[in-house]
N, C-alpha and C. Protein backbone atom coordinates (compact mmCIF):
# COMPACT_ATOMS: atom_id res chain seq x y z
N MET A 1 -20.14 38.73 59.91
CA MET A 1 -19.10 37.97 59.23
C MET A 1 -18.27 37.25 60.29
N SER A 2 -17.97 36.02 60.06
CA SER A 2 -17.18 35.28 61.03
C SER A 2 -15.79 34.99 60.46
N TYR A 3 -14.96 34.39 61.28
CA TYR A 3 -13.61 34.05 60.83
C TYR A 3 -13.32 32.60 61.22
N ASN A 4 -12.35 32.04 60.54
CA ASN A 4 -11.95 30.65 60.73
C ASN A 4 -11.22 30.51 62.07
N GLU A 5 -11.88 29.88 63.03
CA GLU A 5 -11.32 29.73 64.37
C GLU A 5 -10.09 28.81 64.38
N ASN A 6 -10.06 27.82 63.49
CA ASN A 6 -8.89 26.94 63.40
C ASN A 6 -7.67 27.72 62.94
N LEU A 7 -7.87 28.63 62.00
CA LEU A 7 -6.78 29.48 61.54
C LEU A 7 -6.33 30.41 62.67
N ALA A 8 -7.28 30.92 63.44
CA ALA A 8 -6.94 31.79 64.58
C ALA A 8 -6.05 31.04 65.57
N GLU A 9 -6.38 29.79 65.86
CA GLU A 9 -5.57 29.00 66.79
C GLU A 9 -4.17 28.76 66.22
N ARG A 10 -4.11 28.53 64.94
CA ARG A 10 -2.81 28.31 64.28
C ARG A 10 -1.94 29.57 64.40
N ILE A 11 -2.54 30.72 64.22
CA ILE A 11 -1.80 31.98 64.34
C ILE A 11 -1.38 32.20 65.79
N ARG A 12 -2.30 31.98 66.72
CA ARG A 12 -1.96 32.14 68.15
C ARG A 12 -0.74 31.29 68.51
N LYS A 13 -0.75 30.05 68.06
CA LYS A 13 0.38 29.15 68.35
C LYS A 13 1.66 29.68 67.73
N SER A 14 1.58 30.16 66.50
CA SER A 14 2.75 30.67 65.80
C SER A 14 3.31 31.92 66.48
N LEU A 15 2.43 32.75 67.05
CA LEU A 15 2.87 34.00 67.68
C LEU A 15 3.08 33.86 69.19
N SER A 16 2.99 32.65 69.70
CA SER A 16 3.04 32.45 71.16
C SER A 16 4.34 32.93 71.81
N LYS A 17 5.42 32.96 71.06
CA LYS A 17 6.70 33.41 71.63
C LYS A 17 7.01 34.87 71.26
N THR A 18 6.09 35.49 70.57
CA THR A 18 6.26 36.88 70.16
C THR A 18 5.73 37.78 71.27
N LYS A 19 6.48 38.82 71.59
CA LYS A 19 6.07 39.74 72.65
C LYS A 19 5.09 40.78 72.12
N HIS A 20 4.26 41.28 73.01
CA HIS A 20 3.35 42.39 72.74
C HIS A 20 2.35 42.08 71.62
N VAL A 21 1.70 40.93 71.72
CA VAL A 21 0.66 40.54 70.76
C VAL A 21 -0.70 40.82 71.38
N GLU A 22 -1.56 41.44 70.61
CA GLU A 22 -2.91 41.73 71.06
C GLU A 22 -3.88 41.35 69.95
N GLU A 23 -4.97 40.75 70.32
CA GLU A 23 -6.01 40.38 69.36
C GLU A 23 -7.11 41.43 69.38
N LYS A 24 -7.58 41.80 68.18
CA LYS A 24 -8.67 42.76 68.08
C LYS A 24 -9.64 42.28 67.00
N LYS A 25 -10.92 42.34 67.33
CA LYS A 25 -11.92 42.06 66.31
C LYS A 25 -12.01 43.31 65.46
N MET A 26 -11.82 43.11 64.16
CA MET A 26 -11.73 44.23 63.24
C MET A 26 -12.10 43.77 61.84
N MET A 27 -12.70 44.62 61.07
CA MET A 27 -13.03 44.34 59.67
C MET A 27 -13.86 43.07 59.51
N GLY A 28 -14.70 42.77 60.48
CA GLY A 28 -15.52 41.58 60.40
C GLY A 28 -14.74 40.31 60.65
N GLY A 29 -13.51 40.44 61.10
CA GLY A 29 -12.66 39.28 61.35
C GLY A 29 -11.87 39.48 62.63
N LEU A 30 -10.68 38.95 62.64
CA LEU A 30 -9.79 39.03 63.79
C LEU A 30 -8.43 39.50 63.33
N THR A 31 -7.87 40.47 64.04
CA THR A 31 -6.55 41.01 63.70
C THR A 31 -5.61 40.79 64.87
N PHE A 32 -4.38 40.43 64.55
CA PHE A 32 -3.33 40.26 65.55
C PHE A 32 -2.39 41.46 65.41
N MET A 33 -2.34 42.25 66.47
CA MET A 33 -1.48 43.42 66.52
C MET A 33 -0.19 43.01 67.23
N VAL A 34 0.95 43.41 66.69
CA VAL A 34 2.23 43.17 67.33
C VAL A 34 2.89 44.53 67.52
N GLU A 35 3.26 44.83 68.76
CA GLU A 35 3.83 46.15 69.08
C GLU A 35 2.86 47.27 68.66
N SER A 36 1.57 47.05 68.85
CA SER A 36 0.51 48.01 68.52
C SER A 36 0.38 48.30 67.02
N LYS A 37 0.91 47.39 66.19
CA LYS A 37 0.82 47.55 64.74
C LYS A 37 0.13 46.32 64.14
N MET A 38 -0.76 46.56 63.18
CA MET A 38 -1.44 45.46 62.52
C MET A 38 -0.39 44.57 61.85
N CYS A 39 -0.46 43.27 62.12
CA CYS A 39 0.53 42.35 61.58
C CYS A 39 -0.13 41.30 60.69
N VAL A 40 -0.99 40.48 61.27
CA VAL A 40 -1.71 39.46 60.51
C VAL A 40 -3.16 39.44 60.99
N GLY A 41 -4.00 38.84 60.18
CA GLY A 41 -5.39 38.75 60.57
C GLY A 41 -6.13 37.70 59.77
N ILE A 42 -7.41 37.62 60.05
CA ILE A 42 -8.27 36.65 59.37
C ILE A 42 -9.56 37.35 58.99
N VAL A 43 -9.95 37.18 57.75
CA VAL A 43 -11.26 37.61 57.26
C VAL A 43 -11.86 36.37 56.61
N GLU A 44 -12.93 35.86 57.21
CA GLU A 44 -13.55 34.59 56.81
C GLU A 44 -12.49 33.49 56.92
N ASP A 45 -12.04 32.94 55.78
CA ASP A 45 -10.98 31.91 55.84
C ASP A 45 -9.70 32.39 55.17
N LYS A 46 -9.63 33.71 54.91
CA LYS A 46 -8.45 34.28 54.29
C LYS A 46 -7.49 34.80 55.36
N LEU A 47 -6.22 34.51 55.16
CA LEU A 47 -5.16 35.04 56.01
C LEU A 47 -4.80 36.42 55.46
N MET A 48 -4.86 37.44 56.31
CA MET A 48 -4.49 38.78 55.90
C MET A 48 -3.09 39.04 56.44
N CYS A 49 -2.18 39.45 55.56
CA CYS A 49 -0.80 39.70 55.98
C CYS A 49 -0.37 41.11 55.57
N ARG A 50 0.28 41.78 56.50
CA ARG A 50 0.89 43.07 56.21
C ARG A 50 2.36 42.79 55.94
N ILE A 51 2.77 43.00 54.71
CA ILE A 51 4.13 42.64 54.29
C ILE A 51 4.86 43.87 53.75
N ASP A 52 6.14 43.71 53.57
CA ASP A 52 6.96 44.79 53.03
C ASP A 52 6.47 45.14 51.62
N PRO A 53 6.14 46.40 51.37
CA PRO A 53 5.71 46.79 50.02
C PRO A 53 6.75 46.45 48.95
N ASN A 54 8.02 46.32 49.33
CA ASN A 54 9.07 45.97 48.37
C ASN A 54 8.95 44.54 47.85
N ILE A 55 8.27 43.66 48.57
CA ILE A 55 8.09 42.29 48.10
C ILE A 55 6.65 42.03 47.65
N TYR A 56 5.84 43.07 47.64
CA TYR A 56 4.42 42.95 47.32
C TYR A 56 4.18 42.27 45.98
N GLU A 57 4.82 42.75 44.93
CA GLU A 57 4.60 42.18 43.58
C GLU A 57 5.01 40.72 43.50
N SER A 58 6.14 40.37 44.08
CA SER A 58 6.57 38.97 44.04
C SER A 58 5.67 38.10 44.92
N ALA A 59 5.18 38.65 46.01
CA ALA A 59 4.28 37.89 46.89
C ALA A 59 2.99 37.53 46.16
N LEU A 60 2.51 38.44 45.32
CA LEU A 60 1.26 38.19 44.59
C LEU A 60 1.39 37.01 43.62
N LYS A 61 2.59 36.61 43.31
CA LYS A 61 2.81 35.48 42.40
C LYS A 61 2.77 34.14 43.13
N ARG A 62 2.77 34.17 44.45
CA ARG A 62 2.73 32.93 45.22
C ARG A 62 1.32 32.34 45.20
N ARG A 63 1.27 31.04 45.35
CA ARG A 63 0.00 30.32 45.31
C ARG A 63 -0.96 30.86 46.38
N GLY A 64 -2.18 31.15 45.97
CA GLY A 64 -3.23 31.57 46.89
C GLY A 64 -3.18 33.02 47.33
N CYS A 65 -2.20 33.77 46.88
CA CYS A 65 -2.05 35.17 47.30
C CYS A 65 -2.78 36.09 46.33
N LYS A 66 -3.49 37.07 46.89
CA LYS A 66 -4.17 38.06 46.06
C LYS A 66 -4.15 39.41 46.76
N GLU A 67 -4.42 40.44 45.99
CA GLU A 67 -4.46 41.79 46.55
C GLU A 67 -5.51 41.86 47.64
N MET A 68 -5.21 42.60 48.67
CA MET A 68 -6.22 42.87 49.68
C MET A 68 -7.04 44.03 49.18
N ASP A 69 -8.26 43.74 48.82
CA ASP A 69 -9.12 44.76 48.23
C ASP A 69 -10.36 44.96 49.10
N PHE A 70 -10.16 44.92 50.38
CA PHE A 70 -11.25 45.00 51.35
C PHE A 70 -12.12 46.23 51.13
N THR A 71 -11.50 47.33 50.76
CA THR A 71 -12.23 48.58 50.57
C THR A 71 -12.65 48.78 49.11
N GLY A 72 -12.36 47.80 48.25
CA GLY A 72 -12.63 47.94 46.83
C GLY A 72 -11.44 48.50 46.08
N LYS A 73 -10.41 48.88 46.81
CA LYS A 73 -9.19 49.41 46.22
C LYS A 73 -8.02 48.64 46.83
N PRO A 74 -7.13 48.07 46.00
CA PRO A 74 -5.99 47.31 46.55
C PRO A 74 -5.14 48.16 47.50
N MET A 75 -4.72 47.53 48.59
CA MET A 75 -3.88 48.21 49.56
C MET A 75 -2.47 47.63 49.46
N LYS A 76 -1.56 48.38 48.89
CA LYS A 76 -0.19 47.89 48.71
C LYS A 76 0.44 47.61 50.07
N GLY A 77 1.04 46.44 50.18
CA GLY A 77 1.65 46.04 51.44
C GLY A 77 0.75 45.13 52.26
N TYR A 78 -0.49 44.98 51.83
CA TYR A 78 -1.42 44.07 52.48
C TYR A 78 -1.90 43.06 51.45
N VAL A 79 -1.90 41.79 51.83
CA VAL A 79 -2.38 40.74 50.93
C VAL A 79 -3.33 39.81 51.66
N PHE A 80 -4.18 39.19 50.89
CA PHE A 80 -5.00 38.09 51.37
C PHE A 80 -4.36 36.81 50.85
N VAL A 81 -4.31 35.79 51.69
CA VAL A 81 -3.82 34.49 51.27
C VAL A 81 -4.98 33.51 51.46
N LEU A 82 -5.40 32.92 50.36
CA LEU A 82 -6.48 31.94 50.38
C LEU A 82 -5.98 30.65 51.02
N PRO A 83 -6.89 29.80 51.50
CA PRO A 83 -6.47 28.55 52.15
C PRO A 83 -5.48 27.72 51.33
N SER A 84 -5.59 27.76 50.02
CA SER A 84 -4.65 26.99 49.18
C SER A 84 -3.21 27.49 49.32
N GLY A 85 -3.03 28.71 49.81
CA GLY A 85 -1.70 29.29 49.94
C GLY A 85 -1.09 29.16 51.33
N TYR A 86 -1.84 28.60 52.28
CA TYR A 86 -1.27 28.42 53.62
C TYR A 86 -1.58 27.05 54.20
N GLN A 87 -1.89 26.09 53.33
CA GLN A 87 -2.26 24.76 53.80
C GLN A 87 -1.16 24.08 54.59
N ASN A 88 0.04 24.05 54.02
CA ASN A 88 1.11 23.34 54.74
C ASN A 88 1.89 24.30 55.64
N ASP A 89 2.61 23.74 56.57
CA ASP A 89 3.34 24.55 57.56
C ASP A 89 4.36 25.47 56.92
N GLU A 90 5.02 25.01 55.87
CA GLU A 90 6.05 25.83 55.22
C GLU A 90 5.43 27.10 54.64
N GLU A 91 4.30 26.97 53.96
CA GLU A 91 3.63 28.14 53.38
C GLU A 91 3.09 29.05 54.49
N PHE A 92 2.45 28.47 55.46
CA PHE A 92 1.90 29.24 56.57
C PHE A 92 3.00 30.02 57.28
N ASN A 93 4.10 29.35 57.60
CA ASN A 93 5.22 30.01 58.30
C ASN A 93 5.84 31.11 57.45
N TYR A 94 5.89 30.92 56.13
CA TYR A 94 6.42 31.96 55.25
C TYR A 94 5.65 33.27 55.45
N TRP A 95 4.31 33.18 55.42
CA TRP A 95 3.48 34.38 55.54
C TRP A 95 3.59 35.02 56.92
N ILE A 96 3.61 34.21 57.95
CA ILE A 96 3.74 34.76 59.30
C ILE A 96 5.10 35.45 59.45
N GLN A 97 6.16 34.81 58.95
CA GLN A 97 7.50 35.40 59.07
C GLN A 97 7.62 36.70 58.27
N GLN A 98 7.05 36.73 57.07
CA GLN A 98 7.09 37.97 56.28
C GLN A 98 6.37 39.10 57.01
N SER A 99 5.26 38.77 57.63
CA SER A 99 4.50 39.78 58.38
C SER A 99 5.27 40.27 59.59
N LEU A 100 5.90 39.35 60.31
CA LEU A 100 6.70 39.74 61.49
C LEU A 100 7.93 40.54 61.08
N LEU A 101 8.57 40.17 59.98
CA LEU A 101 9.75 40.92 59.51
C LEU A 101 9.37 42.37 59.19
N PHE A 102 8.26 42.54 58.48
CA PHE A 102 7.86 43.90 58.14
C PHE A 102 7.39 44.67 59.37
N ASN A 103 6.79 43.97 60.30
CA ASN A 103 6.27 44.63 61.51
C ASN A 103 7.36 45.40 62.23
N LYS A 104 8.59 44.91 62.18
CA LYS A 104 9.70 45.58 62.86
C LYS A 104 9.94 46.98 62.31
N LYS A 105 9.67 47.18 61.03
CA LYS A 105 9.93 48.50 60.44
C LYS A 105 8.65 49.26 60.08
N ALA A 106 7.49 48.64 60.27
CA ALA A 106 6.22 49.30 59.97
C ALA A 106 5.94 50.40 60.98
N LYS A 107 5.20 51.37 60.55
CA LYS A 107 4.81 52.45 61.44
C LYS A 107 3.43 52.13 62.01
N ALA A 108 3.25 52.45 63.26
CA ALA A 108 1.95 52.27 63.90
C ALA A 108 0.99 53.35 63.42
N SER A 109 -0.28 53.02 63.39
CA SER A 109 -1.29 54.01 63.05
C SER A 109 -1.30 55.09 64.12
N LYS A 110 -1.63 56.29 63.72
CA LYS A 110 -1.74 57.37 64.70
C LYS A 110 -2.94 57.11 65.58
N LYS A 111 -2.78 57.31 66.86
CA LYS A 111 -3.85 57.13 67.82
C LYS A 111 -4.88 58.24 67.64
N LYS A 112 -6.15 57.84 67.65
CA LYS A 112 -7.22 58.83 67.56
C LYS A 112 -7.51 59.37 68.94
N ILE A 113 -7.72 60.65 69.02
CA ILE A 113 -8.00 61.28 70.31
C ILE A 113 -9.47 61.43 70.50
């Protein structure tokens, strides 16, 4: 499975002033970790965002947003945004900012030994 390289470049540019960003190939796509926590990613041409679970329901009402059902079961706090939902800069920046805002209070996954 591949990912949209143009979207990856757009995310890199958006996160260029953010500290502690690391890219990892994951889930057949690309994930951007901030402070060792999953923040945003790409699966095919979908933008994957980790957002505050408190805004999850309202986020799903935005254009192009759908439940992240990568495992066949929706993951609350994670959404996929289809290209129609991040076409313009305002929409794209909204999703990146929501992901960065939640990242500040998100817990990192436990390290496997």
